C-alpha atoms as a PDB file:
ATOM      1  CA  MET A   1     182.003 -52.204  22.916  1.00  0.00           C
ATOM      2  CA  ALA A   2     181.522 -52.140  19.152  1.00  0.00           C
ATOM      3  CA  TYR A   3     184.936 -50.500  18.697  1.00  0.00           C
ATOM      4  CA  VAL A   4     186.676 -53.227  20.691  1.00  0.00           C
ATOM      5  CA  VAL A   5     184.767 -56.158  19.189  1.00  0.00           C
ATOM      6  CA  ALA A   6     185.137 -54.940  15.593  1.00  0.00           C
ATOM      7  CA  GLY A   7     188.851 -54.309  16.060  1.00  0.00           C
ATOM      8  CA  ALA A   8     189.365 -57.747  17.571  1.00  0.00           C
ATOM      9  CA  LYS A   9     187.433 -59.468  14.780  1.00  0.00           C
ATOM     10  CA  VAL A  10     189.768 -57.905  12.220  1.00  0.00           C
ATOM     11  CA  ALA A  11     192.857 -59.309  13.974  1.00  0.00           C
ATOM     12  CA  PRO A  12     193.677 -62.715  12.503  1.00  0.00           C
ATOM     13  CA  ILE A  13     195.343 -64.426  15.474  1.00  0.00           C
ATOM     14  CA  TYR A  14     195.748 -62.294  18.589  1.00  0.00           C
ATOM     15  CA  LYS A  15     192.181 -61.093  19.108  1.00  0.00           C
ATOM     16  CA  LEU A  16     192.348 -60.495  22.868  1.00  0.00           C
ATOM     17  CA  GLN A  17     195.668 -58.661  22.621  1.00  0.00           C
ATOM     18  CA  ALA A  18     194.309 -56.488  19.816  1.00  0.00           C
ATOM     19  CA  ALA A  19     191.284 -55.594  21.946  1.00  0.00           C
ATOM     20  CA  VAL A  20     193.517 -54.564  24.850  1.00  0.00           C
ATOM     21  CA  VAL A  21     195.716 -52.443  22.570  1.00  0.00           C
ATOM     22  CA  LEU A  22     192.628 -50.701  21.160  1.00  0.00           C
ATOM     23  CA  ILE A  23     191.400 -49.935  24.670  1.00  0.00           C
ATOM     24  CA  ILE A  24     194.779 -48.484  25.614  1.00  0.00           C
ATOM     25  CA  LEU A  25     194.824 -46.324  22.474  1.00  0.00           C
ATOM     26  CA  LEU A  26     191.284 -45.139  23.184  1.00  0.00           C
ATOM     27  CA  ALA A  27     192.201 -44.281  26.774  1.00  0.00           C
ATOM     28  CA  ILE A  28     195.218 -42.285  25.586  1.00  0.00           C
ATOM     29  CA  VAL A  29     193.147 -40.315  23.086  1.00  0.00           C
ATOM     30  CA  LEU A  30     190.356 -39.608  25.576  1.00  0.00           C
ATOM     31  CA  SER A  31     192.835 -38.600  28.284  1.00  0.00           C
ATOM     32  CA  ALA A  32     194.658 -36.275  25.915  1.00  0.00           C
ATOM     33  CA  SER A  33     191.362 -34.763  24.790  1.00  0.00           C
ATOM     34  CA  ALA A  34     190.187 -34.202  28.361  1.00  0.00           C
ATOM     35  CA  THR A  35     193.540 -32.675  29.290  1.00  0.00           C
ATOM     36  CA  TYR A  36     193.389 -30.336  26.312  1.00  0.00           C
ATOM     37  CA  VAL A  37     189.878 -29.186  27.163  1.00  0.00           C
ATOM     38  CA  ALA A  38     190.726 -28.733  30.847  1.00  0.00           C
ATOM     39  CA  SER A  39     193.903 -26.782  30.088  1.00  0.00           C
ATOM     40  CA  ASN A  40     191.987 -24.321  27.905  1.00  0.00           C
ATOM     41  CA  GLY A  41     189.461 -23.623  30.649  1.00  0.00           C
ATOM     42  CA  ASN A  42     186.511 -24.983  28.658  1.00  0.00           C
ATOM     43  CA  LEU A  43     185.065 -27.021  31.528  1.00  0.00           C
ATOM     44  CA  ASP A  44     181.725 -25.311  31.953  1.00  0.00           C
ATOM     45  CA  TYR A  45     179.890 -28.193  33.583  1.00  0.00           C
ATOM     46  CA  GLU A  46     177.242 -27.104  36.045  1.00  0.00           C
ATOM     47  CA  ALA A  47     174.832 -29.047  38.228  1.00  0.00           C
ATOM     48  CA  TRP A  48     173.655 -32.085  36.199  1.00  0.00           C
ATOM     49  CA  GLY A  49     176.412 -31.661  33.630  1.00  0.00           C
ATOM     50  CA  TRP A  50     178.873 -33.417  35.924  1.00  0.00           C
ATOM     51  CA  VAL A  51     176.444 -36.291  36.479  1.00  0.00           C
ATOM     52  CA  GLU A  52     176.122 -36.725  32.725  1.00  0.00           C
ATOM     53  CA  PHE A  53     179.899 -36.647  32.326  1.00  0.00           C
ATOM     54  CA  VAL A  54     180.385 -39.294  35.028  1.00  0.00           C
ATOM     55  CA  ALA A  55     177.638 -41.463  33.491  1.00  0.00           C
ATOM     56  CA  VAL A  56     179.252 -41.308  30.044  1.00  0.00           C
ATOM     57  CA  VAL A  57     182.653 -42.271  31.438  1.00  0.00           C
ATOM     58  CA  ALA A  58     181.127 -45.132  33.452  1.00  0.00           C
ATOM     59  CA  LEU A  59     179.296 -46.434  30.378  1.00  0.00           C
ATOM     60  CA  TRP A  60     182.494 -46.180  28.329  1.00  0.00           C
ATOM     61  CA  ILE A  61     184.424 -48.214  30.893  1.00  0.00           C
ATOM     62  CA  GLY A  62     181.619 -50.762  31.166  1.00  0.00           C
ATOM     63  CA  GLY A  63     181.400 -51.111  27.399  1.00  0.00           C
ATOM     64  CA  THR A  64     185.096 -51.729  26.970  1.00  0.00           C
ATOM     65  CA  ILE A  65     185.111 -54.293  29.784  1.00  0.00           C
ATOM     66  CA  ALA A  66     182.103 -56.011  28.200  1.00  0.00           C
ATOM     67  CA  GLY A  67     183.887 -56.031  24.846  1.00  0.00           C
ATOM     68  CA  VAL A  68     187.004 -57.666  26.272  1.00  0.00           C
ATOM     69  CA  TYR A  69     184.867 -60.200  28.139  1.00  0.00           C
ATOM     70  CA  TYR A  70     182.977 -61.011  24.920  1.00  0.00           C
ATOM     71  CA  ILE A  71     186.208 -61.498  22.959  1.00  0.00           C
ATOM     72  CA  ASN A  72     187.693 -63.629  25.725  1.00  0.00           C
ATOM     73  CA  GLU A  73     184.622 -65.881  25.813  1.00  0.00           C
ATOM     74  CA  LYS A  74     184.666 -66.237  22.018  1.00  0.00           C
ATOM     75  CA  GLU A  75     188.346 -67.276  22.076  1.00  0.00           C
ATOM     76  CA  ARG A  76     187.678 -69.963  24.685  1.00  0.00           C
ATOM     77  CA  GLN A  77     185.109 -71.666  22.455  1.00  0.00           C
END
């Protein structure tokens, strides 16, 4: 959320669009990183490791959605 909000605050006019672009860039980087790790066979998650991985991804998605919602509400005011 901090990444999205800080990036949008820096943008002078198009704050919501800047937040969406930052989320897309973050998703590309995280997808590329996950693909790289998976292609090298470094996925050694066992038992609770997968639960932790799913929780981190869910929190990441929730944080970015909260950031966009925050920016959208600030622009309406």
